[in-house]
Amino acid sequence: MATETPTARLGLTARLPLRAIVLWILSVTIILSVFLGTKATLEAGTFSGADWRNFVIQGIAQGSLYALIAMGYTLVYGILFMINFAHGEVFMAGAFTSFFVAREFDQSGFLDANPILALAILLAVAIAVSVLTTILLERIAYRPLRGAPRLVPLITAIGASLFLQNTFRGLFGARVFGYPRPGLLDGTWSIFGVPVLRTQVVVIVGALVLVVALYLFISRTKTGRSMRAVGEDKEIASLMGIDVDRVIVKTFMIGGALAGAAGVLWALTFKQVNFFMGFFPGIKAFTAAVLGGIGNVVGAALGGLTLGLLESLVPTLILTGAGVPSPNQLRDAVAFTVLVLVLIFRPGGILGTAEEEKA
């Protein structure tokens, strides 16, 4: 009598779509939870239409900041295929340094007397510091490891992040500093009859201008074409006469400039800075980059907006109906849950490929 061999049993087990079944169950659970929570919240009528409109505007403004930081992640990854986990501290360095200039402007009255010029100077200071920081990171921490396995630069980036955090803590202390804001940005503006906070308008418009400018720069300029060529194949780009090291430095500089601008906009929005302020925005911007498709500039912008809206809407829309107390305290949990779900269901992100990257 023929008996089933271990090899045959192994083949039968391997053919079972266990992963597909687990993902299907997880999908149904998520959809059902979202539906029931949303239904309960809307039926309760706790929030008005104006409240939901404000949640959406807040999510777009928050997502715009994530998008600016995420583009720095995605630019570096598109060139070097590494995650620069010190990018959040590049964001922090620009915002923190501009604080001292903003404080002097506020004490002298220059901030309110010449708000447009003062804000332009603050942006210039933050961008300059962030660009200088990212150049030093590339030259000292990353360039010597250019040919090393991917894990080595990743660990180095984490170490650089901790180094920058503790350097600013040692120089300026661990307390939170109040970031002065010109009176011009207080209150609201009416946009098509909808009152919107002035800071939110500045953040959204500023982010939109920078995203469009970066897209045009990459797609239309010689440097942008060089960046895309280096991202495709460094050796071939070098043989074609492209200075690979210079292109990489320029890529870090652009990412640093975007982070510096985002730092000032963030500080003007939340009116405070501290040495640890880059950690959570940096992690969330990385989540946004993965969500949109890391390595894709448009995907990073889309991922940032999506994450901002999810953070603003999901806790209130779903968790309130489920009876969760203080649902907005779980905004960070929403961001990291999104990261896990993207990595499970679509590792390539919204605009990336559905296939996992092969080593």
Protein backbone atom coordinates (compact mmCIF):
# COMPACT_ATOMS: atom_id res chain seq x y z
CA MET A 1 0.00 0.00 0.00
CA ALA A 2 1.37 3.41 -0.98
CA THR A 3 1.99 5.82 1.85
CA GLU A 4 2.22 9.61 1.73
CA THR A 5 5.82 10.72 1.95
CA PRO A 6 7.02 13.72 4.00
CA THR A 7 7.87 15.44 0.71
CA ALA A 8 4.31 15.03 -0.54
CA ARG A 9 2.89 16.36 2.75
CA LEU A 10 5.26 19.36 2.55
CA GLY A 11 4.12 20.08 -1.01
CA LEU A 12 0.47 20.00 0.05
CA THR A 13 1.17 22.41 2.93
CA ALA A 14 3.12 24.74 0.68
CA ARG A 15 0.20 24.89 -1.74
CA LEU A 16 -2.23 26.03 0.96
CA PRO A 17 -2.79 29.82 0.55
CA LEU A 18 -2.31 30.48 4.27
CA ARG A 19 -0.95 33.99 3.72
CA ALA A 20 -3.86 34.85 1.43
CA ILE A 21 -6.36 33.53 3.98
CA VAL A 22 -4.79 35.52 6.83
CA LEU A 23 -4.71 38.71 4.73
CA TRP A 24 -8.32 38.16 3.69
CA ILE A 25 -9.43 37.77 7.32
CA LEU A 26 -7.42 40.85 8.32
CA SER A 27 -8.94 42.87 5.47
CA VAL A 28 -12.49 41.90 6.42
CA THR A 29 -11.79 42.72 10.07
CA ILE A 30 -10.41 46.17 9.20
CA ILE A 31 -13.26 47.01 6.83
CA LEU A 32 -15.87 45.86 9.34
CA SER A 33 -14.26 47.85 12.16
CA VAL A 34 -14.08 50.99 10.03
CA PHE A 35 -17.71 50.61 8.92
CA LEU A 36 -19.11 49.99 12.42
CA GLY A 37 -17.05 52.73 14.07
CA THR A 38 -17.92 55.28 11.38
CA LYS A 39 -21.61 54.36 11.51
CA ALA A 40 -21.74 54.74 15.28
CA THR A 41 -19.94 58.10 15.20
CA LEU A 42 -22.13 59.59 12.48
CA GLU A 43 -25.33 58.34 14.08
CA ALA A 44 -24.33 59.91 17.39
CA GLY A 45 -24.18 63.34 15.70
CA THR A 46 -21.49 64.56 18.06
CA PHE A 47 -19.72 66.57 15.37
CA SER A 48 -21.22 69.10 12.97
CA GLY A 49 -20.42 69.59 9.31
CA ALA A 50 -18.18 72.53 10.24
CA ASP A 51 -16.23 70.24 12.60
CA TRP A 52 -15.60 67.69 9.84
CA ARG A 53 -14.55 70.47 7.48
CA ASN A 54 -12.05 71.70 10.06
CA PHE A 55 -10.73 68.14 10.51
CA VAL A 56 -10.12 67.88 6.76
CA ILE A 57 -8.35 71.26 6.56
CA GLN A 58 -6.23 70.38 9.58
CA GLY A 59 -5.34 67.04 8.00
CA ILE A 60 -4.30 68.69 4.72
CA ALA A 61 -2.11 71.21 6.56
CA GLN A 62 -0.49 68.50 8.70
CA GLY A 63 -0.06 66.27 5.67
CA SER A 64 1.61 69.12 3.77
CA LEU A 65 4.31 69.28 6.44
CA TYR A 66 4.77 65.52 6.32
CA ALA A 67 5.05 65.73 2.53
CA LEU A 68 7.90 68.28 2.67
CA ILE A 69 9.89 66.12 5.08
CA ALA A 70 9.03 62.90 3.23
CA MET A 71 10.46 64.24 -0.02
CA GLY A 72 13.87 64.45 1.65
CA TYR A 73 13.62 60.76 2.53
CA THR A 74 12.49 59.77 -0.93
CA LEU A 75 15.15 61.81 -2.76
CA VAL A 76 18.00 60.19 -0.84
CA TYR A 77 16.48 56.74 -1.19
CA GLY A 78 16.02 57.25 -4.92
CA ILE A 79 19.75 57.94 -5.29
CA LEU A 80 21.47 55.79 -2.64
CA PHE A 81 18.74 53.25 -1.72
CA MET A 82 19.27 54.08 1.96
CA ILE A 83 16.96 55.50 4.62
CA ASN A 84 18.42 58.66 6.15
CA PHE A 85 16.92 58.33 9.62
CA ALA A 86 18.80 61.49 10.67
CA HIS A 87 16.55 63.53 8.36
CA GLY A 88 14.17 64.34 11.22
CA GLU A 89 17.08 65.95 13.07
CA VAL A 90 17.97 67.96 9.94
CA PHE A 91 14.41 69.29 10.18
CA MET A 92 14.91 70.01 13.89
CA ALA A 93 18.25 71.79 13.37
CA GLY A 94 16.76 74.31 10.97
CA ALA A 95 13.71 75.05 13.13
CA PHE A 96 15.70 75.23 16.37
CA THR A 97 18.33 77.60 14.95
CA SER A 98 15.74 79.89 13.39
CA PHE A 99 14.10 80.17 16.82
CA PHE A 100 16.97 82.31 18.15
CA VAL A 101 16.63 84.69 15.21
CA ALA A 102 12.84 84.78 15.62
CA ARG A 103 13.22 85.58 19.33
CA GLU A 104 15.50 88.52 18.57
CA PHE A 105 13.10 89.76 15.90
CA ASP A 106 10.20 89.49 18.35
CA GLN A 107 11.99 91.31 21.16
CA SER A 108 13.05 94.14 18.85
CA GLY A 109 9.59 94.49 17.28
CA PHE A 110 10.90 93.66 13.80
CA LEU A 111 8.77 90.51 13.57
CA ASP A 112 5.47 92.41 13.67
CA ALA A 113 6.72 95.55 11.92
CA ASN A 114 8.05 93.64 8.88
CA PRO A 115 6.45 90.18 9.02
CA ILE A 116 7.05 89.19 5.38
CA LEU A 117 10.74 90.11 5.46
CA ALA A 118 11.16 88.55 8.90
CA LEU A 119 9.62 85.27 7.74
CA ALA A 120 11.80 85.26 4.63
CA ILE A 121 14.91 85.67 6.82
CA LEU A 122 13.75 82.91 9.16
CA LEU A 123 13.25 80.57 6.20
CA ALA A 124 16.69 81.48 4.83
CA VAL A 125 18.36 80.80 8.19
CA ALA A 126 16.59 77.48 8.69
CA ILE A 127 17.30 76.32 5.14
CA ALA A 128 20.98 77.31 5.41
CA VAL A 129 21.45 75.43 8.70
CA SER A 130 19.59 72.34 7.50
CA VAL A 131 21.53 72.27 4.24
CA LEU A 132 24.84 72.62 6.09
CA THR A 133 23.83 69.84 8.50
CA THR A 134 22.89 67.45 5.72
CA ILE A 135 26.09 68.20 3.78
CA LEU A 136 28.16 67.33 6.86
CA LEU A 137 26.14 64.16 7.37
CA GLU A 138 26.73 63.06 3.80
CA ARG A 139 30.43 63.92 3.80
CA ILE A 140 31.35 62.58 7.26
CA ALA A 141 28.87 59.80 8.02
CA TYR A 142 27.61 58.40 4.70
CA ARG A 143 30.20 58.87 1.96
CA PRO A 144 32.86 56.66 3.62
CA LEU A 145 30.23 53.87 3.73
CA ARG A 146 29.12 54.23 0.12
CA GLY A 147 30.05 50.66 -0.82
CA ALA A 148 29.11 49.04 2.50
CA PRO A 149 26.13 46.68 2.98
CA ARG A 150 22.83 48.51 3.41
CA LEU A 151 22.57 47.73 7.11
CA VAL A 152 25.76 49.68 7.89
CA PRO A 153 24.57 53.11 6.62
CA LEU A 154 21.19 52.47 8.27
CA ILE A 155 22.81 51.97 11.68
CA THR A 156 25.04 54.99 11.02
CA ALA A 157 21.97 57.13 10.24
CA ILE A 158 20.37 56.13 13.55
CA GLY A 159 23.61 57.00 15.34
CA ALA A 160 23.78 60.36 13.55
CA SER A 161 20.19 61.06 14.62
CA LEU A 162 21.01 60.40 18.28
CA PHE A 163 24.19 62.46 17.99
CA LEU A 164 22.35 65.51 16.64
CA GLN A 165 19.59 65.21 19.24
CA ASN A 166 22.01 65.10 22.13
CA THR A 167 24.22 67.82 20.66
CA PHE A 168 21.31 70.27 20.59
CA ARG A 169 20.22 69.11 24.01
CA GLY A 170 23.70 69.73 25.39
CA LEU A 171 24.00 73.15 23.74
CA PHE A 172 20.54 74.55 24.41
CA GLY A 173 18.98 72.39 27.12
CA ALA A 174 16.06 70.00 27.22
CA ARG A 175 13.25 72.49 27.79
CA VAL A 176 10.66 73.53 25.23
CA PHE A 177 11.08 77.02 23.74
CA GLY A 178 8.09 79.09 22.65
CA TYR A 179 8.46 80.06 18.99
CA PRO A 180 7.22 83.64 18.37
CA ARG A 181 4.76 84.16 15.56
CA PRO A 182 3.95 87.47 13.84
CA GLY A 183 0.50 88.88 14.47
CA LEU A 184 -0.13 88.71 10.72
CA LEU A 185 -0.59 84.92 11.06
CA ASP A 186 -3.08 85.11 13.91
CA GLY A 187 -6.76 84.62 13.17
CA THR A 188 -8.39 83.29 10.02
CA TRP A 189 -8.82 84.09 6.34
CA SER A 190 -12.01 83.37 4.43
CA ILE A 191 -11.35 81.01 1.50
CA PHE A 192 -14.48 80.69 -0.68
CA GLY A 193 -16.53 81.56 2.36
CA VAL A 194 -14.78 78.99 4.59
CA PRO A 195 -12.78 80.36 7.56
CA VAL A 196 -9.28 78.83 7.56
CA LEU A 197 -6.50 79.51 10.05
CA ARG A 198 -3.88 81.75 8.49
CA THR A 199 -1.08 79.43 9.52
CA GLN A 200 -2.84 76.57 7.74
CA VAL A 201 -3.14 78.64 4.56
CA VAL A 202 0.56 79.52 4.67
CA VAL A 203 1.55 75.89 5.29
CA ILE A 204 -0.63 74.48 2.50
CA VAL A 205 0.34 77.12 -0.09
CA GLY A 206 4.01 76.97 0.88
CA ALA A 207 4.10 73.18 0.64
CA LEU A 208 2.28 73.21 -2.70
CA VAL A 209 4.74 75.71 -4.18
CA LEU A 210 7.75 73.71 -2.97
CA VAL A 211 6.36 70.38 -4.22
CA VAL A 212 5.64 71.80 -7.68
CA ALA A 213 9.04 73.51 -7.78
CA LEU A 214 10.82 70.27 -6.87
CA TYR A 215 8.87 68.27 -9.45
CA LEU A 216 9.73 70.79 -12.19
CA PHE A 217 13.35 70.90 -11.05
CA ILE A 218 13.74 67.12 -11.26
CA SER A 219 11.89 66.76 -14.56
CA ARG A 220 13.10 69.87 -16.44
CA THR A 221 16.62 70.77 -15.34
CA LYS A 222 19.99 69.27 -16.19
CA THR A 223 20.71 68.58 -12.51
CA GLY A 224 17.36 66.83 -12.16
CA ARG A 225 18.11 64.60 -15.14
CA SER A 226 21.52 63.84 -13.62
CA MET A 227 19.82 62.84 -10.37
CA ARG A 228 17.51 60.47 -12.19
CA ALA A 229 20.43 58.99 -14.14
CA VAL A 230 22.45 58.39 -10.96
CA GLY A 231 19.39 56.81 -9.35
CA GLU A 232 19.09 54.39 -12.27
CA ASP A 233 22.75 53.32 -12.45
CA LYS A 234 25.68 55.11 -10.84
CA GLU A 235 28.36 53.38 -12.90
CA ILE A 236 26.72 54.10 -16.24
CA ALA A 237 26.04 57.70 -15.16
CA SER A 238 29.71 58.09 -14.24
CA LEU A 239 30.78 56.74 -17.64
CA MET A 240 28.53 59.34 -19.27
CA GLY A 241 30.48 62.13 -17.54
CA ILE A 242 28.20 62.76 -14.56
CA ASP A 243 29.97 63.60 -11.30
CA VAL A 244 28.16 61.12 -9.05
CA ASP A 245 29.47 62.54 -5.76
CA ARG A 246 28.39 66.05 -6.71
CA VAL A 247 24.92 64.85 -7.67
CA ILE A 248 24.55 63.01 -4.36
CA VAL A 249 25.60 66.11 -2.41
CA LYS A 250 23.08 68.21 -4.34
CA THR A 251 20.39 65.65 -3.56
CA PHE A 252 21.14 65.89 0.16
CA MET A 253 21.15 69.69 -0.11
CA ILE A 254 17.71 69.76 -1.72
CA GLY A 255 16.31 67.41 0.91
CA GLY A 256 17.87 69.56 3.63
CA ALA A 257 16.38 72.74 2.17
CA LEU A 258 12.90 71.19 2.16
CA ALA A 259 13.38 70.01 5.76
CA GLY A 260 14.50 73.49 6.85
CA ALA A 261 11.46 75.12 5.26
CA ALA A 262 9.20 72.50 6.86
CA GLY A 263 10.86 73.22 10.22
CA VAL A 264 9.90 76.90 10.15
CA LEU A 265 6.36 76.14 9.00
CA TRP A 266 6.03 73.52 11.75
CA ALA A 267 7.33 75.94 14.40
CA LEU A 268 4.96 78.68 13.24
CA THR A 269 2.06 76.22 13.40
CA PHE A 270 2.73 74.73 16.83
CA LYS A 271 4.64 77.73 18.29
CA GLN A 272 7.34 75.67 20.02
CA VAL A 273 10.68 73.96 19.41
CA ASN A 274 12.83 71.51 21.36
CA PHE A 275 15.75 69.16 20.75
CA PHE A 276 13.42 66.15 20.31
CA MET A 277 10.97 67.79 17.90
CA GLY A 278 12.34 66.01 14.82
CA PHE A 279 11.79 62.43 15.97
CA PHE A 280 8.05 61.87 15.52
CA PRO A 281 7.66 64.09 12.42
CA GLY A 282 10.63 62.26 10.92
CA ILE A 283 9.14 58.83 11.59
CA LYS A 284 5.76 59.92 10.26
CA ALA A 285 7.34 61.46 7.16
CA PHE A 286 9.12 58.15 6.57
CA THR A 287 5.73 56.45 6.90
CA ALA A 288 4.34 58.91 4.35
CA ALA A 289 7.20 58.17 1.96
CA VAL A 290 6.58 54.42 2.24
CA LEU A 291 2.83 54.95 1.89
CA GLY A 292 3.24 56.95 -1.32
CA GLY A 293 6.01 54.79 -2.77
CA ILE A 294 9.49 55.57 -1.49
CA GLY A 295 11.74 56.88 -4.24
CA ASN A 296 8.80 58.63 -5.93
CA VAL A 297 8.56 62.40 -5.31
CA VAL A 298 4.88 62.65 -6.25
CA GLY A 299 4.23 59.56 -4.14
CA ALA A 300 5.88 61.19 -1.12
CA ALA A 301 3.64 64.25 -1.48
CA LEU A 302 0.56 62.07 -1.91
CA GLY A 303 1.58 59.88 1.02
CA GLY A 304 2.06 62.91 3.26
CA LEU A 305 -1.39 64.28 2.46
CA THR A 306 -2.97 60.86 2.92
CA LEU A 307 -1.29 60.30 6.27
CA GLY A 308 -2.25 63.78 7.49
CA LEU A 309 -5.90 63.19 6.60
CA LEU A 310 -5.88 59.75 8.21
CA GLU A 311 -4.40 61.13 11.43
CA SER A 312 -6.96 63.92 11.52
CA LEU A 313 -10.06 61.90 10.61
CA VAL A 314 -9.59 58.29 11.72
CA PRO A 315 -9.36 58.76 15.51
CA THR A 316 -12.49 60.91 15.56
CA LEU A 317 -14.45 59.13 12.85
CA ILE A 318 -13.86 55.54 13.94
CA LEU A 319 -12.66 55.47 17.54
CA THR A 320 -15.24 57.93 18.91
CA GLY A 321 -18.05 55.65 17.80
CA ALA A 322 -16.27 52.70 19.37
CA GLY A 323 -16.35 54.43 22.74
CA VAL A 324 -12.59 54.99 22.98
CA PRO A 325 -11.85 57.86 25.41
CA SER A 326 -9.62 60.67 24.10
CA PRO A 327 -9.27 59.19 20.59
CA ASN A 328 -7.03 62.02 19.38
CA GLN A 329 -4.35 60.79 21.76
CA LEU A 330 -4.03 57.78 19.45
CA ARG A 331 -3.01 59.77 16.35
CA ASP A 332 0.52 58.37 16.51
CA ALA A 333 -0.87 54.85 16.71
CA VAL A 334 -2.82 55.52 13.51
CA ALA A 335 0.36 56.52 11.69
CA PHE A 336 2.27 53.40 12.71
CA THR A 337 -0.72 51.17 11.99
CA VAL A 338 -0.82 52.62 8.48
CA LEU A 339 2.89 51.81 8.07
CA VAL A 340 2.35 48.20 9.12
CA LEU A 341 -0.68 47.76 6.84
CA VAL A 342 1.13 49.25 3.84
CA LEU A 343 4.09 46.93 4.38
CA ILE A 344 1.69 43.96 4.59
CA PHE A 345 -0.66 44.69 1.71
CA ARG A 346 1.36 46.86 -0.68
CA PRO A 347 5.07 47.14 0.19
CA GLY A 348 5.71 49.32 -2.86
CA GLY A 349 3.27 52.03 -1.73
CA ILE A 350 0.46 53.80 -3.58
CA LEU A 351 2.52 54.79 -6.63
CA GLY A 352 5.12 52.04 -6.30
CA THR A 353 5.04 48.43 -7.41
CA ALA A 354 3.08 45.82 -5.55
CA GLU A 355 6.06 43.48 -5.49
CA GLU A 356 8.55 43.51 -2.67
CA GLU A 357 11.99 44.66 -3.60
CA LYS A 358 14.36 41.83 -4.37
CA ALA A 359 17.87 41.97 -2.99
